[in-house]
C-alpha atoms as a PDB file:
ATOM      1  CA  MET A   1      14.521 -12.341 -39.905  1.00  0.00           C
ATOM      2  CA  THR A   2      16.389 -12.799 -35.876  1.00  0.00           C
ATOM      3  CA  TYR A   3      14.730 -16.113 -34.373  1.00  0.00           C
ATOM      4  CA  VAL A   4      14.874 -16.365 -30.482  1.00  0.00           C
ATOM      5  CA  HIS A   5      16.126 -19.339 -28.641  1.00  0.00           C
ATOM      6  CA  THR A   6      13.821 -19.969 -25.849  1.00  0.00           C
ATOM      7  CA  GLY A   7      14.892 -23.204 -24.323  1.00  0.00           C
ATOM      8  CA  SER A   8      12.043 -25.383 -25.865  1.00  0.00           C
ATOM      9  CA  GLY A   9      12.226 -24.092 -29.481  1.00  0.00           C
ATOM     10  CA  ARG A  10      12.634 -21.305 -32.004  1.00  0.00           C
ATOM     11  CA  ILE A  11       9.957 -18.118 -32.258  1.00  0.00           C
ATOM     12  CA  PRO A  12      10.203 -15.246 -34.503  1.00  0.00           C
ATOM     13  CA  TYR A  13      11.672 -12.206 -32.377  1.00  0.00           C
ATOM     14  CA  SER A  14       8.645 -10.013 -31.193  1.00  0.00           C
ATOM     15  CA  THR A  15       8.673  -6.688 -30.604  1.00  0.00           C
ATOM     16  CA  GLY A  16       5.373  -6.541 -29.284  1.00  0.00           C
ATOM     17  CA  TYR A  17       6.598  -9.320 -26.413  1.00  0.00           C
ATOM     18  CA  MET A  18       9.543  -6.870 -25.863  1.00  0.00           C
ATOM     19  CA  ALA A  19       7.206  -4.394 -25.215  1.00  0.00           C
ATOM     20  CA  ASN A  20       5.121  -6.827 -22.622  1.00  0.00           C
ATOM     21  CA  THR A  21       8.693  -7.126 -21.265  1.00  0.00           C
ATOM     22  CA  LEU A  22       9.653  -3.668 -20.622  1.00  0.00           C
ATOM     23  CA  ILE A  23       5.595  -2.771 -19.207  1.00  0.00           C
ATOM     24  CA  SER A  24       6.541  -5.845 -16.722  1.00  0.00           C
ATOM     25  CA  ILE A  25       9.925  -3.952 -15.502  1.00  0.00           C
ATOM     26  CA  GLY A  26       7.061  -0.691 -14.582  1.00  0.00           C
ATOM     27  CA  MET A  27       7.829   1.321 -17.735  1.00  0.00           C
ATOM     28  CA  PRO A  28       4.997   3.608 -19.310  1.00  0.00           C
ATOM     29  CA  PRO A  29       3.013   0.907 -22.339  1.00  0.00           C
ATOM     30  CA  GLU A  30       3.558   4.073 -24.578  1.00  0.00           C
ATOM     31  CA  ARG A  31       7.418   4.590 -24.349  1.00  0.00           C
ATOM     32  CA  ALA A  32       7.605   0.401 -23.824  1.00  0.00           C
ATOM     33  CA  TYR A  33       6.441   0.035 -27.516  1.00  0.00           C
ATOM     34  CA  ARG A  34       8.851   2.851 -29.012  1.00  0.00           C
ATOM     35  CA  ASP A  35      12.043   1.733 -26.927  1.00  0.00           C
ATOM     36  CA  ALA A  36      10.900  -2.052 -27.915  1.00  0.00           C
ATOM     37  CA  TYR A  37      11.142  -0.661 -31.612  1.00  0.00           C
ATOM     38  CA  SER A  38      14.226   1.078 -30.934  1.00  0.00           C
ATOM     39  CA  ILE A  39      15.669  -2.633 -29.811  1.00  0.00           C
ATOM     40  CA  SER A  40      14.331  -3.995 -32.805  1.00  0.00           C
ATOM     41  CA  LEU A  41      16.790  -1.994 -34.584  1.00  0.00           C
ATOM     42  CA  LEU A  42      20.022  -2.632 -32.520  1.00  0.00           C
ATOM     43  CA  VAL A  43      18.737  -6.512 -33.177  1.00  0.00           C
ATOM     44  CA  ASP A  44      18.649  -6.020 -36.802  1.00  0.00           C
ATOM     45  CA  ASP A  45      21.878  -4.883 -37.022  1.00  0.00           C
ATOM     46  CA  LEU A  46      23.391  -8.259 -35.348  1.00  0.00           C
ATOM     47  CA  ASP A  47      22.749  -9.794 -38.358  1.00  0.00           C
ATOM     48  CA  LYS A  48      22.470 -12.836 -36.374  1.00  0.00           C
ATOM     49  CA  GLU A  49      19.645 -15.609 -37.284  1.00  0.00           C
ATOM     50  CA  GLU A  50      19.107 -16.521 -33.570  1.00  0.00           C
ATOM     51  CA  LEU A  51      19.768 -15.061 -30.928  1.00  0.00           C
ATOM     52  CA  THR A  52      19.034 -16.437 -26.988  1.00  0.00           C
ATOM     53  CA  THR A  53      16.897 -15.064 -24.676  1.00  0.00           C
ATOM     54  CA  ASP A  54      19.428 -13.851 -22.408  1.00  0.00           C
ATOM     55  CA  GLU A  55      21.676 -12.326 -25.537  1.00  0.00           C
ATOM     56  CA  ILE A  56      18.453 -10.172 -25.881  1.00  0.00           C
ATOM     57  CA  MET A  57      18.037  -9.155 -22.880  1.00  0.00           C
ATOM     58  CA  LEU A  58      21.955  -8.264 -22.046  1.00  0.00           C
ATOM     59  CA  LEU A  59      21.749  -6.467 -25.278  1.00  0.00           C
ATOM     60  CA  THR A  60      18.670  -4.329 -23.991  1.00  0.00           C
ATOM     61  CA  GLN A  61      20.357  -4.106 -20.373  1.00  0.00           C
ATOM     62  CA  LYS A  62      23.846  -2.203 -21.843  1.00  0.00           C
ATOM     63  CA  TRP A  63      21.072  -0.420 -24.334  1.00  0.00           C
ATOM     64  CA  TYR A  64      19.091   1.244 -20.851  1.00  0.00           C
ATOM     65  CA  GLU A  65      22.631   1.227 -19.156  1.00  0.00           C
ATOM     66  CA  LYS A  66      23.103   4.589 -21.541  1.00  0.00           C
ATOM     67  CA  LYS A  67      19.565   5.692 -21.500  1.00  0.00           C
ATOM     68  CA  ASP A  68      17.833   4.714 -17.889  1.00  0.00           C
ATOM     69  CA  ALA A  69      19.854   3.160 -15.437  1.00  0.00           C
ATOM     70  CA  LYS A  70      16.502   2.538 -13.433  1.00  0.00           C
ATOM     71  CA  TYR A  71      15.269   0.460 -15.921  1.00  0.00           C
ATOM     72  CA  ALA A  72      19.293  -1.378 -16.305  1.00  0.00           C
ATOM     73  CA  LYS A  73      19.068  -2.726 -13.476  1.00  0.00           C
ATOM     74  CA  ARG A  74      15.783  -4.270 -13.319  1.00  0.00           C
ATOM     75  CA  ILE A  75      17.044  -6.555 -16.723  1.00  0.00           C
ATOM     76  CA  PRO A  76      18.326  -8.923 -14.523  1.00  0.00           C
ATOM     77  CA  PHE A  77      16.247 -10.107 -12.200  1.00  0.00           C
ATOM     78  CA  LEU A  78      14.190 -11.048 -15.470  1.00  0.00           C
ATOM     79  CA  LEU A  79      17.031 -13.377 -16.437  1.00  0.00           C
ATOM     80  CA  LYS A  80      16.826 -15.271 -13.100  1.00  0.00           C
ATOM     81  CA  LYS A  81      12.802 -14.842 -12.790  1.00  0.00           C
ATOM     82  CA  TYR A  82      12.803 -12.817  -9.960  1.00  0.00           C
ATOM     83  CA  LYS A  83      14.932 -15.100  -8.088  1.00  0.00           C
ATOM     84  CA  GLN A  84      16.672 -12.756  -5.591  1.00  0.00           C
ATOM     85  CA  PHE A  85      12.861 -11.664  -5.032  1.00  0.00           C
ATOM     86  CA  ARG A  86      11.933 -14.775  -2.627  1.00  0.00           C
ATOM     87  CA  PRO A  87      10.362 -14.831  -0.384  1.00  0.00           C
ATOM     88  CA  MET A  88       7.638 -12.147  -1.109  1.00  0.00           C
ATOM     89  CA  VAL A  89       4.486 -11.269   0.175  1.00  0.00           C
ATOM     90  CA  ILE A  90       2.442  -8.729  -1.686  1.00  0.00           C
ATOM     91  CA  LEU A  91      -0.238  -7.689   0.296  1.00  0.00           C
ATOM     92  CA  LEU A  92      -3.058  -5.395  -1.096  1.00  0.00           C
ATOM     93  CA  GLY A  93      -5.650  -3.849   1.248  1.00  0.00           C
ATOM     94  CA  GLY A  94      -8.849  -1.872   0.414  1.00  0.00           C
ATOM     95  CA  VAL A  95     -12.346  -2.362   0.573  1.00  0.00           C
ATOM     96  CA  THR A  96     -14.701  -4.936  -1.007  1.00  0.00           C
ATOM     97  CA  GLY A  97     -16.009  -3.721  -4.524  1.00  0.00           C
ATOM     98  CA  ILE A  98     -13.027  -1.537  -5.832  1.00  0.00           C
ATOM     99  CA  GLY A  99     -11.213  -3.785  -7.835  1.00  0.00           C
ATOM    100  CA  LYS A 100      -8.302  -5.443  -5.748  1.00  0.00           C
ATOM    101  CA  SER A 101      -9.138  -8.839  -7.660  1.00  0.00           C
ATOM    102  CA  THR A 102      -8.613  -7.239 -10.646  1.00  0.00           C
ATOM    103  CA  ILE A 103      -4.897  -5.335  -9.732  1.00  0.00           C
ATOM    104  CA  ALA A 104      -4.176  -8.607  -8.103  1.00  0.00           C
ATOM    105  CA  GLN A 105      -4.302 -11.105 -10.997  1.00  0.00           C
ATOM    106  CA  GLN A 106      -2.504  -8.433 -13.061  1.00  0.00           C
ATOM    107  CA  LEU A 107       0.577  -7.622 -11.290  1.00  0.00           C
ATOM    108  CA  GLY A 108       0.791 -11.578 -10.625  1.00  0.00           C
ATOM    109  CA  SER A 109       0.601 -11.658 -14.385  1.00  0.00           C
ATOM    110  CA  ASN A 110       3.397  -8.822 -14.282  1.00  0.00           C
ATOM    111  CA  PHE A 111       5.728 -10.837 -11.568  1.00  0.00           C
ATOM    112  CA  GLY A 112       4.919 -14.384 -12.968  1.00  0.00           C
ATOM    113  CA  ILE A 113       3.100 -15.088  -9.550  1.00  0.00           C
ATOM    114  CA  LYS A 114       0.746 -17.908  -9.720  1.00  0.00           C
ATOM    115  CA  SER A 115      -0.212 -17.780  -6.166  1.00  0.00           C
ATOM    116  CA  ILE A 116      -3.045 -15.559  -5.199  1.00  0.00           C
ATOM    117  CA  LEU A 117      -4.880 -15.629  -2.176  1.00  0.00           C
ATOM    118  CA  GLY A 118      -8.234 -13.897  -1.292  1.00  0.00           C
ATOM    119  CA  SER A 119      -9.476 -12.851   2.499  1.00  0.00           C
ATOM    120  CA  ASP A 120     -12.819 -13.888   2.175  1.00  0.00           C
ATOM    121  CA  LEU A 121     -11.665 -17.256   1.391  1.00  0.00           C
ATOM    122  CA  ILE A 122      -9.709 -17.624   4.189  1.00  0.00           C
ATOM    123  CA  ARG A 123     -12.476 -16.081   6.234  1.00  0.00           C
ATOM    124  CA  GLU A 124     -14.755 -19.356   4.101  1.00  0.00           C
ATOM    125  CA  VAL A 125     -12.408 -21.608   5.655  1.00  0.00           C
ATOM    126  CA  LEU A 126     -12.601 -20.182   9.200  1.00  0.00           C
ATOM    127  CA  ARG A 127     -16.761 -20.380   8.460  1.00  0.00           C
ATOM    128  CA  VAL A 128     -16.451 -23.656   7.691  1.00  0.00           C
ATOM    129  CA  THR A 129     -14.348 -24.316  11.174  1.00  0.00           C
ATOM    130  CA  LEU A 130     -16.226 -22.758  13.478  1.00  0.00           C
ATOM    131  CA  SER A 131     -19.843 -21.933  14.382  1.00  0.00           C
ATOM    132  CA  LYS A 132     -22.201 -19.316  14.143  1.00  0.00           C
ATOM    133  CA  ASN A 133     -22.499 -19.569  17.694  1.00  0.00           C
ATOM    134  CA  LEU A 134     -19.039 -19.447  18.578  1.00  0.00           C
ATOM    135  CA  MET A 135     -17.784 -16.691  16.115  1.00  0.00           C
ATOM    136  CA  PRO A 136     -21.146 -15.459  14.836  1.00  0.00           C
ATOM    137  CA  THR A 137     -19.160 -12.468  12.946  1.00  0.00           C
ATOM    138  CA  LEU A 138     -17.616 -14.536  10.504  1.00  0.00           C
ATOM    139  CA  HIS A 139     -20.962 -15.852   9.315  1.00  0.00           C
ATOM    140  CA  GLU A 140     -21.643 -12.153   7.854  1.00  0.00           C
ATOM    141  CA  SER A 141     -20.339 -10.133   4.864  1.00  0.00           C
ATOM    142  CA  SER A 142     -17.617  -7.579   5.849  1.00  0.00           C
ATOM    143  CA  TYR A 143     -19.612  -4.705   5.609  1.00  0.00           C
ATOM    144  CA  ARG A 144     -22.639  -5.878   7.658  1.00  0.00           C
ATOM    145  CA  ALA A 145     -20.562  -8.226  10.489  1.00  0.00           C
ATOM    146  CA  HIS A 146     -22.423  -5.862  12.771  1.00  0.00           C
ATOM    147  CA  ARG A 147     -25.707  -7.337  12.173  1.00  0.00           C
ATOM    148  CA  ALA A 148     -24.159 -10.109  14.495  1.00  0.00           C
ATOM    149  CA  LEU A 149     -23.267  -7.871  17.580  1.00  0.00           C
ATOM    150  CA  ASP A 150     -24.694  -5.640  19.890  1.00  0.00           C
ATOM    151  CA  THR A 151     -23.733  -1.984  18.525  1.00  0.00           C
ATOM    152  CA  SER A 152     -27.507  -0.046  19.694  1.00  0.00           C
ATOM    153  CA  PHE A 153     -25.511   1.818  21.723  1.00  0.00           C
ATOM    154  CA  LEU A 154     -23.051   3.218  19.253  1.00  0.00           C
ATOM    155  CA  PRO A 155     -23.992   5.823  16.410  1.00  0.00           C
ATOM    156  CA  ALA A 156     -25.313   4.324  13.464  1.00  0.00           C
ATOM    157  CA  LYS A 157     -22.178   5.392  11.310  1.00  0.00           C
ATOM    158  CA  SER A 158     -19.854   3.443  13.980  1.00  0.00           C
ATOM    159  CA  ARG A 159     -21.441   0.187  13.530  1.00  0.00           C
ATOM    160  CA  ALA A 160     -20.309  -1.004  10.898  1.00  0.00           C
ATOM    161  CA  VAL A 161     -16.532  -0.321  11.523  1.00  0.00           C
ATOM    162  CA  LEU A 162     -17.121  -1.938  14.857  1.00  0.00           C
ATOM    163  CA  GLY A 163     -18.534  -5.043  13.227  1.00  0.00           C
ATOM    164  CA  PHE A 164     -15.948  -5.020  10.608  1.00  0.00           C
ATOM    165  CA  GLU A 165     -12.777  -4.662  12.581  1.00  0.00           C
ATOM    166  CA  ALA A 166     -14.511  -7.666  15.144  1.00  0.00           C
ATOM    167  CA  GLN A 167     -14.161  -9.784  11.842  1.00  0.00           C
ATOM    168  CA  SER A 168     -10.599  -8.752  10.797  1.00  0.00           C
ATOM    169  CA  ARG A 169      -9.382 -10.078  14.038  1.00  0.00           C
ATOM    170  CA  GLN A 170     -10.369 -13.397  13.335  1.00  0.00           C
ATOM    171  CA  VAL A 171      -9.540 -13.899   9.841  1.00  0.00           C
ATOM    172  CA  ALA A 172      -6.221 -12.258  10.759  1.00  0.00           C
ATOM    173  CA  VAL A 173      -4.913 -15.559  12.342  1.00  0.00           C
ATOM    174  CA  GLY A 174      -4.845 -17.199   8.742  1.00  0.00           C
ATOM    175  CA  ILE A 175      -3.905 -14.566   6.833  1.00  0.00           C
ATOM    176  CA  GLU A 176      -0.952 -14.111   9.459  1.00  0.00           C
ATOM    177  CA  SER A 177      -0.439 -17.999   8.755  1.00  0.00           C
ATOM    178  CA  ALA A 178      -0.333 -17.924   5.053  1.00  0.00           C
ATOM    179  CA  ILE A 179       2.172 -15.175   4.932  1.00  0.00           C
ATOM    180  CA  GLU A 180       4.489 -17.131   7.767  1.00  0.00           C
ATOM    181  CA  GLN A 181       4.447 -20.170   5.431  1.00  0.00           C
ATOM    182  CA  ALA A 182       5.161 -18.526   2.400  1.00  0.00           C
ATOM    183  CA  ILE A 183       8.504 -16.589   3.774  1.00  0.00           C
ATOM    184  CA  ARG A 184       8.693 -20.286   5.367  1.00  0.00           C
ATOM    185  CA  ASP A 185       8.584 -21.751   2.027  1.00  0.00           C
ATOM    186  CA  ASP A 186      10.378 -19.286   0.151  1.00  0.00           C
ATOM    187  CA  GLU A 187       7.022 -18.190  -2.159  1.00  0.00           C
ATOM    188  CA  ILE A 188       6.316 -15.802  -3.790  1.00  0.00           C
ATOM    189  CA  LEU A 189       2.626 -14.768  -2.624  1.00  0.00           C
ATOM    190  CA  ILE A 190      -0.144 -12.163  -2.900  1.00  0.00           C
ATOM    191  CA  ILE A 191      -2.873 -11.767  -0.757  1.00  0.00           C
ATOM    192  CA  GLU A 192      -5.623  -9.481  -1.534  1.00  0.00           C
ATOM    193  CA  GLY A 193      -8.595  -8.724   0.732  1.00  0.00           C
ATOM    194  CA  VAL A 194     -10.820  -6.087   2.515  1.00  0.00           C
ATOM    195  CA  HIS A 195      -9.552  -7.946   5.864  1.00  0.00           C
ATOM    196  CA  LEU A 196      -5.562  -6.740   5.889  1.00  0.00           C
ATOM    197  CA  VAL A 197      -5.837  -4.157   8.046  1.00  0.00           C
ATOM    198  CA  PRO A 198      -2.578  -2.606   9.421  1.00  0.00           C
ATOM    199  CA  GLY A 199      -2.599  -2.262  13.234  1.00  0.00           C
ATOM    200  CA  ILE A 200      -4.617  -5.485  13.385  1.00  0.00           C
ATOM    201  CA  LEU A 201      -1.915  -7.852  11.889  1.00  0.00           C
ATOM    202  CA  LYS A 202       0.797  -8.658  13.775  1.00  0.00           C
ATOM    203  CA  LYS A 203       3.246  -5.731  13.375  1.00  0.00           C
ATOM    204  CA  LYS A 204       6.785  -7.879  13.358  1.00  0.00           C
ATOM    205  CA  ILE A 205       4.803 -10.140  10.345  1.00  0.00           C
ATOM    206  CA  ILE A 206       3.730  -6.695   8.168  1.00  0.00           C
ATOM    207  CA  GLU A 207       7.260  -5.056   8.999  1.00  0.00           C
ATOM    208  CA  ASN A 208       9.128  -8.445   7.794  1.00  0.00           C
ATOM    209  CA  LYS A 209      11.437  -7.803   5.119  1.00  0.00           C
ATOM    210  CA  ALA A 210       9.559 -10.126   2.669  1.00  0.00           C
ATOM    211  CA  VAL A 211       6.537  -8.093   3.273  1.00  0.00           C
ATOM    212  CA  PHE A 212       5.080  -5.177   1.505  1.00  0.00           C
ATOM    213  CA  PHE A 213       1.720  -3.834   2.543  1.00  0.00           C
ATOM    214  CA  LEU A 214      -0.272  -1.741  -0.012  1.00  0.00           C
ATOM    215  CA  MET A 215      -3.277  -0.126   1.170  1.00  0.00           C
ATOM    216  CA  LEU A 216      -5.840   0.584  -2.570  1.00  0.00           C
ATOM    217  CA  THR A 217      -8.691   2.890  -2.290  1.00  0.00           C
ATOM    218  CA  LEU A 218     -11.423   4.673  -4.099  1.00  0.00           C
ATOM    219  CA  SER A 219     -11.696   7.820  -3.606  1.00  0.00           C
ATOM    220  CA  ASP A 220     -14.633   8.577  -5.719  1.00  0.00           C
ATOM    221  CA  GLU A 221     -17.891   7.229  -4.735  1.00  0.00           C
ATOM    222  CA  GLU A 222     -19.757   6.978  -7.702  1.00  0.00           C
ATOM    223  CA  THR A 223     -16.536   5.187  -9.483  1.00  0.00           C
ATOM    224  CA  HIS A 224     -17.203   3.250  -6.444  1.00  0.00           C
ATOM    225  CA  ARG A 225     -21.019   2.570  -6.780  1.00  0.00           C
ATOM    226  CA  SER A 226     -20.041   2.431 -11.413  1.00  0.00           C
ATOM    227  CA  ARG A 227     -17.872  -0.825 -10.759  1.00  0.00           C
ATOM    228  CA  LEU A 228     -20.101  -2.657  -8.088  1.00  0.00           C
ATOM    229  CA  THR A 229     -23.043  -1.703 -11.642  1.00  0.00           C
ATOM    230  CA  ILE A 230     -20.930  -3.356 -13.699  1.00  0.00           C
ATOM    231  CA  ARG A 231     -20.850  -6.720 -11.575  1.00  0.00           C
ATOM    232  CA  GLU A 232     -24.059  -6.798 -10.946  1.00  0.00           C
ATOM    233  CA  ALA A 233     -24.149  -6.420 -14.730  1.00  0.00           C
ATOM    234  CA  LYS A 234     -21.872  -9.175 -15.529  1.00  0.00           C
ATOM    235  CA  GLY A 235     -24.282 -11.756 -13.075  1.00  0.00           C
ATOM    236  CA  ASP A 236     -22.756 -11.088  -9.361  1.00  0.00           C
ATOM    237  CA  SER A 237     -25.631 -12.144  -6.886  1.00  0.00           C
ATOM    238  CA  ARG A 238     -23.704 -10.233  -4.514  1.00  0.00           C
ATOM    239  CA  SER A 239     -23.971  -7.218  -6.098  1.00  0.00           C
ATOM    240  CA  GLU A 240     -27.322  -5.946  -4.957  1.00  0.00           C
ATOM    241  CA  ALA A 241     -26.286  -6.303  -1.527  1.00  0.00           C
ATOM    242  CA  TYR A 242     -23.173  -4.398  -2.026  1.00  0.00           C
ATOM    243  CA  LEU A 243     -24.937  -1.340  -3.615  1.00  0.00           C
ATOM    244  CA  LYS A 244     -27.121  -1.272  -0.660  1.00  0.00           C
ATOM    245  CA  TYR A 245     -24.632  -1.620   2.225  1.00  0.00           C
ATOM    246  CA  ILE A 246     -21.982   1.310   0.596  1.00  0.00           C
ATOM    247  CA  ILE A 247     -22.446   3.728   2.632  1.00  0.00           C
ATOM    248  CA  ASN A 248     -20.857   1.055   5.250  1.00  0.00           C
ATOM    249  CA  MET A 249     -18.154   0.366   2.422  1.00  0.00           C
ATOM    250  CA  ARG A 250     -17.127   3.887   2.604  1.00  0.00           C
ATOM    251  CA  LYS A 251     -17.217   4.021   6.314  1.00  0.00           C
ATOM    252  CA  ILE A 252     -14.944   0.886   6.442  1.00  0.00           C
ATOM    253  CA  GLN A 253     -12.503   2.520   3.784  1.00  0.00           C
ATOM    254  CA  GLU A 254     -12.368   5.985   5.789  1.00  0.00           C
ATOM    255  CA  TYR A 255     -11.202   3.625   9.016  1.00  0.00           C
ATOM    256  CA  LEU A 256      -8.504   1.793   6.469  1.00  0.00           C
ATOM    257  CA  ILE A 257      -7.366   4.571   5.064  1.00  0.00           C
ATOM    258  CA  GLU A 258      -7.234   6.230   8.931  1.00  0.00           C
ATOM    259  CA  GLN A 259      -5.452   2.798  10.064  1.00  0.00           C
ATOM    260  CA  ALA A 260      -2.791   2.810   6.673  1.00  0.00           C
ATOM    261  CA  GLN A 261      -1.512   6.187   7.990  1.00  0.00           C
ATOM    262  CA  HIS A 262      -1.245   5.693  11.554  1.00  0.00           C
ATOM    263  CA  ASN A 263       1.183   2.652  10.634  1.00  0.00           C
ATOM    264  CA  ASN A 264       2.920   4.047   7.673  1.00  0.00           C
ATOM    265  CA  VAL A 265       1.717   2.210   4.962  1.00  0.00           C
ATOM    266  CA  LYS A 266       1.039   3.459   1.607  1.00  0.00           C
ATOM    267  CA  ILE A 267      -2.048   4.258  -0.323  1.00  0.00           C
ATOM    268  CA  ILE A 268      -2.564   4.177  -4.032  1.00  0.00           C
ATOM    269  CA  ASP A 269      -5.558   5.296  -5.463  1.00  0.00           C
ATOM    270  CA  ILE A 270      -7.104   2.888  -8.140  1.00  0.00           C
ATOM    271  CA  GLU A 271      -9.416   4.472 -10.021  1.00  0.00           C
ATOM    272  CA  ASN A 272      -7.391   4.990 -13.185  1.00  0.00           C
ATOM    273  CA  ASP A 273      -6.570   1.173 -13.374  1.00  0.00           C
ATOM    274  CA  GLU A 274      -3.555   1.804 -16.038  1.00  0.00           C
ATOM    275  CA  GLU A 275      -1.409   4.463 -14.054  1.00  0.00           C
ATOM    276  CA  ALA A 276      -2.519   2.374 -10.456  1.00  0.00           C
ATOM    277  CA  ILE A 277      -1.081  -0.728 -11.754  1.00  0.00           C
ATOM    278  CA  LEU A 278       1.647   1.021 -13.139  1.00  0.00           C
ATOM    279  CA  ASN A 279       2.150   2.991  -9.861  1.00  0.00           C
ATOM    280  CA  ILE A 280       2.192  -0.679  -7.703  1.00  0.00           C
ATOM    281  CA  ILE A 281       4.932  -2.567 -10.292  1.00  0.00           C
ATOM    282  CA  ASN A 282       7.428   0.667  -9.642  1.00  0.00           C
ATOM    283  CA  SER A 283       6.652   0.508  -5.837  1.00  0.00           C
ATOM    284  CA  VAL A 284       6.941  -3.521  -5.905  1.00  0.00           C
ATOM    285  CA  TRP A 285      10.657  -2.826  -8.055  1.00  0.00           C
ATOM    286  CA  ASN A 286      11.843   0.054  -6.310  1.00  0.00           C
ATOM    287  CA  TRP A 287      11.354  -1.166  -2.590  1.00  0.00           C
ATOM    288  CA  LYS A 288      12.489  -5.173  -3.644  1.00  0.00           C
ATOM    289  CA  ILE A 289      15.813  -3.040  -5.666  1.00  0.00           C
ATOM    290  CA  ASN A 290      16.330  -0.732  -2.950  1.00  0.00           C
ATOM    291  CA  GLN A 291      16.487  -3.915  -0.328  1.00  0.00           C
ATOM    292  CA  ILE A 292      18.916  -5.921  -2.082  1.00  0.00           C
ATOM    293  CA  GLU A 293      21.264  -2.712  -2.763  1.00  0.00           C
ATOM    294  CA  GLN A 294      20.893  -2.204   0.876  1.00  0.00           C
ATOM    295  CA  LYS A 295      22.106  -5.691   1.505  1.00  0.00           C
ATOM    296  CA  LYS A 296      25.070  -5.111  -0.964  1.00  0.00           C
ATOM    297  CA  LEU A 297      26.136  -2.504   1.084  1.00  0.00           C
ATOM    298  CA  LYS A 298      26.370  -3.764   4.344  1.00  0.00           C
ATOM    299  CA  LEU A 299      28.014  -7.201   2.878  1.00  0.00           C
ATOM    300  CA  GLU A 300      30.586  -4.661   1.482  1.00  0.00           C
ATOM    301  CA  GLU A 301      30.739  -2.904   4.623  1.00  0.00           C
ATOM    302  CA  LYS A 302      31.638  -5.865   6.262  1.00  0.00           C
ATOM    303  CA  LYS A 303      34.399  -6.710   4.121  1.00  0.00           C
ATOM    304  CA  LYS A 304      35.825  -3.745   4.962  1.00  0.00           C
ATOM    305  CA  LYS A 305      35.552  -3.777   8.294  1.00  0.00           C
ATOM    306  CA  ALA A 306      36.996  -7.553   8.233  1.00  0.00           C
ATOM    307  CA  ASN A 307      39.822  -6.443   6.051  1.00  0.00           C
ATOM    308  CA  SER A 308      40.686  -3.674   8.248  1.00  0.00           C
ATOM    309  CA  LYS A 309      41.150  -5.904  11.263  1.00  0.00           C
ATOM    310  CA  LYS A 310      43.236  -8.284   9.306  1.00  0.00           C
ATOM    311  CA  LYS A 311      45.398  -5.064   8.240  1.00  0.00           C
ATOM    312  CA  LYS A 312      45.520  -4.546  12.034  1.00  0.00           C
ATOM    313  CA  LYS A 313      47.238  -7.732  12.864  1.00  0.00           C
ATOM    314  CA  LEU A 314      49.508  -7.841  10.405  1.00  0.00           C
ATOM    315  CA  TYR A 315      51.041  -4.972  11.835  1.00  0.00           C
END
């Protein structure tokens, strides 16, 4: 048996642990377990009593260099614990009750991100600070914020969106501050919530190289209803109101999709949880690695120009 020296002790080499590591770099679970078994055979062939985590990951990287370059590129970032990803802010927008919080937790677990912030929490903080008389829409839920405004001049279907938009503009101030703080502090942060609206959040913030924005949707209304019903069964006191106002939520989702399309924000349907989280993980990896490779190319270009200038001076 081969043991792995982790820095805090020795543990037996685990195929299951290796499979989870491969899943964290965006590999489908079925393939991850199959590849983890193949890697365990390579470890056995080394016939060593003990290996370090780094040695196993380097062995895995070399194996993938021959098998699949995409995954080979990702493994070095695991060794450095995503240090090159900093700062990074992942924004997960989407309407109430579709499963954003669950996705955010899974994504956080995958990348070892401990800081996850909900836009509803920001709204609650603002509610404590700002009175109902001053900011009435803040004191209503996102799907019924229109009740704090005079929307009588609008068709019934448009009222929910107007109230939601007004509330989102107020919450945006807190969201933008959280993003800017994370970037200044060189942190990795996930923010999820209905108030993440492309076109309302400042363009210079959401186009920052450290920010990755995804809009999560649930195209099937019945699936949306069933997820709200599950929350009700689990004792969520808000679920009854959610189901009552689901038409408003669906209208708000239409608005969010339009805003995402208009502002070039990627839209991901999360009806299938497993497929969605795999899609999101790979989207983050592709975005970050592309950024890092572009940065390397620019540095190489810069060096070439500098060397060319030196040669000209010599002649």
